[in-house]
C-alpha cells in the first residue's frame, strides 16, 4: 500500500503543467466538526472523466484535559489516502464514484464511554457523491465512503489510565469511512 501511495505521489509530481480546471485543492468541512480534524485533499484531472487524488487528515487534540482522566475526550487520528474518482459526465462536475487505498492511525475515546481504542486500520475505501459547481473556481462536493480492511487495536479502560481491557485485537473493519461536505478551489 505504501508503494502505491508513493507511486501516485510521483505521478502527480510529474504533472508539472497545470491547465485550467485540472487541479483542485479542497477541505472537508464536516471533518472540523469531528473534534477539529484538519484535512486537505489535492486532486488532478488525468482525463475527461477521471481524476487522481491524495488526502491527509490530522487530529492531535484531547478535550477536557484539565478534568479527571475519565472525562477526557479525544478522536485523534493521522490518515493518508490515495485514490481515483470517475465522473460519468465531466471531471469535477456531477455524480462521481471513487476508490482509494487508505491508512489511519487512531486513538479515540471518552466520547460516549470512558473506554479508549488505540490502533491502526488500512484498506480499500469505496465512495460516491455529487460535485456541485458553484462558480468557475469553487466546487462543493457531497459524498459518503465505506472502508474495508484489517483493524489492529487495543482497548483501554479510560483515556489516561493505561489499563488494558482486552489484549491486542485484530478484526476486519467494514463501515463508514467519511461523510463528505467538501469545499474545493479549482485551478
Protein backbone atom coordinates (compact mmCIF):
# COMPACT_ATOMS: atom_id res chain seq x y z
CA UNK A 1 0.00 0.00 0.00
CA UNK A 2 2.85 2.39 0.81
CA UNK A 3 4.39 1.74 -2.62
CA UNK A 4 1.08 2.58 -4.32
CA UNK A 5 0.78 5.78 -2.31
CA UNK A 6 4.31 6.93 -3.20
CA UNK A 7 3.83 5.91 -6.84
CA UNK A 8 0.71 8.09 -7.03
CA UNK A 9 2.62 10.99 -5.44
CA UNK A 10 5.41 10.59 -8.01
CA UNK A 11 2.92 10.55 -10.90
CA UNK A 12 1.28 13.71 -9.63
CA UNK A 13 4.68 15.40 -9.24
CA UNK A 14 5.49 14.64 -12.90
CA UNK A 15 2.37 16.52 -13.98
CA UNK A 16 4.03 19.93 -13.76
CA UNK A 17 1.91 21.79 -16.29
CA UNK A 18 -1.35 22.87 -14.60
CA UNK A 19 -4.07 23.87 -17.07
CA UNK A 20 -7.49 25.36 -16.38
CA UNK A 21 -9.66 23.17 -14.16
CA UNK A 22 -7.03 20.43 -13.87
CA UNK A 23 -6.07 20.81 -10.20
CA UNK A 24 -8.37 21.03 -7.19
CA UNK A 25 -7.44 21.68 -3.57
CA UNK A 26 -10.15 21.12 -1.01
CA UNK A 27 -11.08 20.52 2.60
CA UNK A 28 -13.91 18.52 4.12
CA UNK A 29 -15.86 20.97 6.27
CA UNK A 30 -17.54 18.19 8.29
CA UNK A 31 -14.13 16.94 9.50
CA UNK A 32 -13.72 20.12 11.53
CA UNK A 33 -16.91 19.18 13.43
CA UNK A 34 -15.14 15.91 14.34
CA UNK A 35 -13.07 17.39 17.18
CA UNK A 36 -11.32 19.88 14.85
CA UNK A 37 -9.79 17.32 12.47
CA UNK A 38 -7.77 19.27 9.90
CA UNK A 39 -7.66 17.84 6.39
CA UNK A 40 -6.62 18.53 2.83
CA UNK A 41 -7.42 16.88 -0.48
CA UNK A 42 -5.38 17.53 -3.65
CA UNK A 43 -6.80 16.26 -6.92
CA UNK A 44 -5.54 16.23 -10.51
CA UNK A 45 -7.68 15.60 -13.61
CA UNK A 46 -5.94 12.97 -15.74
CA UNK A 47 -8.70 12.57 -18.36
CA UNK A 48 -12.16 13.93 -19.24
CA UNK A 49 -13.83 11.63 -16.70
CA UNK A 50 -11.02 10.68 -14.29
CA UNK A 51 -9.09 12.36 -11.51
CA UNK A 52 -6.50 11.08 -9.03
CA UNK A 53 -6.16 12.43 -5.53
CA UNK A 54 -4.23 12.31 -2.30
CA UNK A 55 -5.75 13.15 1.04
CA UNK A 56 -4.50 13.72 4.56
CA UNK A 57 -6.22 14.21 7.92
CA UNK A 58 -4.70 15.09 11.26
CA UNK A 59 -6.19 15.50 14.73
CA UNK A 60 -3.84 15.80 17.75
CA UNK A 61 -6.41 17.23 20.19
CA UNK A 62 -7.61 15.95 23.56
CA UNK A 63 -10.52 17.85 25.12
CA UNK A 64 -11.23 18.34 28.81
CA UNK A 65 -7.54 17.75 29.66
CA UNK A 66 -7.82 19.60 32.98
CA UNK A 67 -10.61 17.26 34.13
CA UNK A 68 -10.18 13.80 35.70
CA UNK A 69 -8.84 11.17 33.24
CA UNK A 70 -12.25 9.51 32.98
CA UNK A 71 -13.69 12.69 31.43
CA UNK A 72 -11.10 13.20 28.66
CA UNK A 73 -12.48 13.15 25.12
CA UNK A 74 -10.42 12.55 22.01
CA UNK A 75 -10.68 11.39 18.44
CA UNK A 76 -7.03 11.68 17.46
CA UNK A 77 -6.03 10.41 14.06
CA UNK A 78 -3.48 10.55 11.29
CA UNK A 79 -4.87 9.43 7.92
CA UNK A 80 -3.40 9.16 4.44
CA UNK A 81 -5.32 8.12 1.33
CA UNK A 82 -4.59 7.97 -2.39
CA UNK A 83 -7.19 7.13 -4.99
CA UNK A 84 -9.17 7.92 -8.09
CA UNK A 85 -12.59 9.32 -8.96
CA UNK A 86 -14.71 8.62 -12.00
CA UNK A 87 -17.18 11.27 -13.23
CA UNK A 88 -19.66 9.97 -15.88
CA UNK A 89 -20.24 13.42 -17.37
CA UNK A 90 -17.09 15.53 -16.89
CA UNK A 91 -14.35 15.76 -14.26
CA UNK A 92 -15.21 17.87 -11.18
CA UNK A 93 -18.92 18.13 -12.07
CA UNK A 94 -21.95 15.97 -11.33
CA UNK A 95 -22.09 12.47 -9.90
CA UNK A 96 -18.90 10.52 -9.14
CA UNK A 97 -17.65 7.20 -7.78
CA UNK A 98 -14.31 6.74 -6.04
CA UNK A 99 -11.86 4.10 -4.86
CA UNK A 100 -8.78 4.63 -2.72
CA UNK A 101 -6.17 2.96 -0.54
CA UNK A 102 -6.19 4.33 2.99
CA UNK A 103 -4.16 4.10 6.21
CA UNK A 104 -5.32 5.52 9.57
CA UNK A 105 -3.62 5.53 12.96
CA UNK A 106 -6.10 6.49 15.69
CA UNK A 107 -6.72 6.97 19.41
CA UNK A 108 -10.36 7.59 20.23
CA UNK A 109 -12.32 7.50 23.45
CA UNK A 110 -14.14 9.23 26.24
CA UNK A 111 -16.84 10.42 23.85
CA UNK A 112 -19.69 8.08 24.75
CA UNK A 113 -17.92 5.66 27.11
CA UNK A 114 -14.75 6.04 29.16
CA UNK A 115 -13.13 3.28 27.09
CA UNK A 116 -10.42 4.22 24.60
CA UNK A 117 -9.42 2.43 21.40
CA UNK A 118 -5.92 2.86 20.01
CA UNK A 119 -4.79 1.25 16.79
CA UNK A 120 -4.48 1.36 13.05
CA UNK A 121 -6.74 0.43 10.17
CA UNK A 122 -5.86 0.22 6.49
CA UNK A 123 -7.73 -0.96 3.45
CA UNK A 124 -9.78 -0.04 0.43
CA UNK A 125 -12.31 2.76 0.55
CA UNK A 126 -15.22 2.98 -1.91
CA UNK A 127 -17.30 6.13 -2.18
CA UNK A 128 -19.89 8.01 -4.17
CA UNK A 129 -21.18 11.54 -4.28
CA UNK A 130 -22.02 14.65 -6.23
CA UNK A 131 -19.91 17.70 -7.18
CA UNK A 132 -21.81 20.95 -7.40
CA UNK A 133 -20.07 23.67 -9.42
CA UNK A 134 -20.55 26.96 -7.52
CA UNK A 135 -18.55 29.09 -9.99
CA UNK A 136 -15.55 28.75 -12.28
CA UNK A 137 -13.16 28.13 -9.37
CA UNK A 138 -15.30 26.79 -6.49
CA UNK A 139 -16.92 23.39 -6.02
CA UNK A 140 -18.95 21.88 -3.21
CA UNK A 141 -18.76 18.07 -3.01
CA UNK A 142 -21.18 15.87 -1.11
CA UNK A 143 -20.43 12.18 -0.60
CA UNK A 144 -20.06 9.13 1.57
CA UNK A 145 -17.42 6.41 1.79
CA UNK A 146 -17.12 2.85 3.06
CA UNK A 147 -13.82 1.36 4.29
CA UNK A 148 -12.96 -2.35 4.27
CA UNK A 149 -9.73 -3.64 5.79
CA UNK A 150 -7.89 -5.04 8.82
CA UNK A 151 -8.15 -3.11 12.08
CA UNK A 152 -5.49 -3.77 14.75
CA UNK A 153 -6.25 -2.14 18.11
CA UNK A 154 -6.01 -2.22 21.90
CA UNK A 155 -8.91 -1.27 24.20
CA UNK A 156 -8.12 0.66 27.39
CA UNK A 157 -10.41 1.20 30.41
CA UNK A 158 -10.04 5.01 30.18
CA UNK A 159 -8.18 7.62 28.09
CA UNK A 160 -5.28 8.11 30.54
CA UNK A 161 -5.14 5.14 32.95
CA UNK A 162 -3.22 2.71 30.70
CA UNK A 163 -5.15 -0.33 31.97
CA UNK A 164 -5.96 -2.66 29.08
CA UNK A 165 -9.49 -4.06 28.96
CA UNK A 166 -8.57 -6.60 26.32
CA UNK A 167 -5.29 -7.64 24.75
CA UNK A 168 -4.36 -6.75 21.20
CA UNK A 169 -7.26 -7.33 18.83
CA UNK A 170 -7.41 -7.73 15.07
CA UNK A 171 -10.69 -7.61 13.21
CA UNK A 172 -11.83 -6.79 9.70
CA UNK A 173 -13.38 -3.35 9.69
CA UNK A 174 -16.32 -2.78 7.37
CA UNK A 175 -18.00 0.51 7.99
CA UNK A 176 -18.39 4.17 7.20
CA UNK A 177 -15.22 5.97 6.33
CA UNK A 178 -16.21 9.52 5.61
CA UNK A 179 -19.15 11.83 5.33
CA UNK A 180 -18.13 14.50 2.86
CA UNK A 181 -19.13 18.13 2.53
CA UNK A 182 -16.01 19.44 0.82
CA UNK A 183 -15.22 22.91 -0.45
CA UNK A 184 -12.68 22.86 -3.32
CA UNK A 185 -10.80 25.51 -5.25
CA UNK A 186 -10.13 24.63 -8.91
CA UNK A 187 -7.09 25.87 -10.81
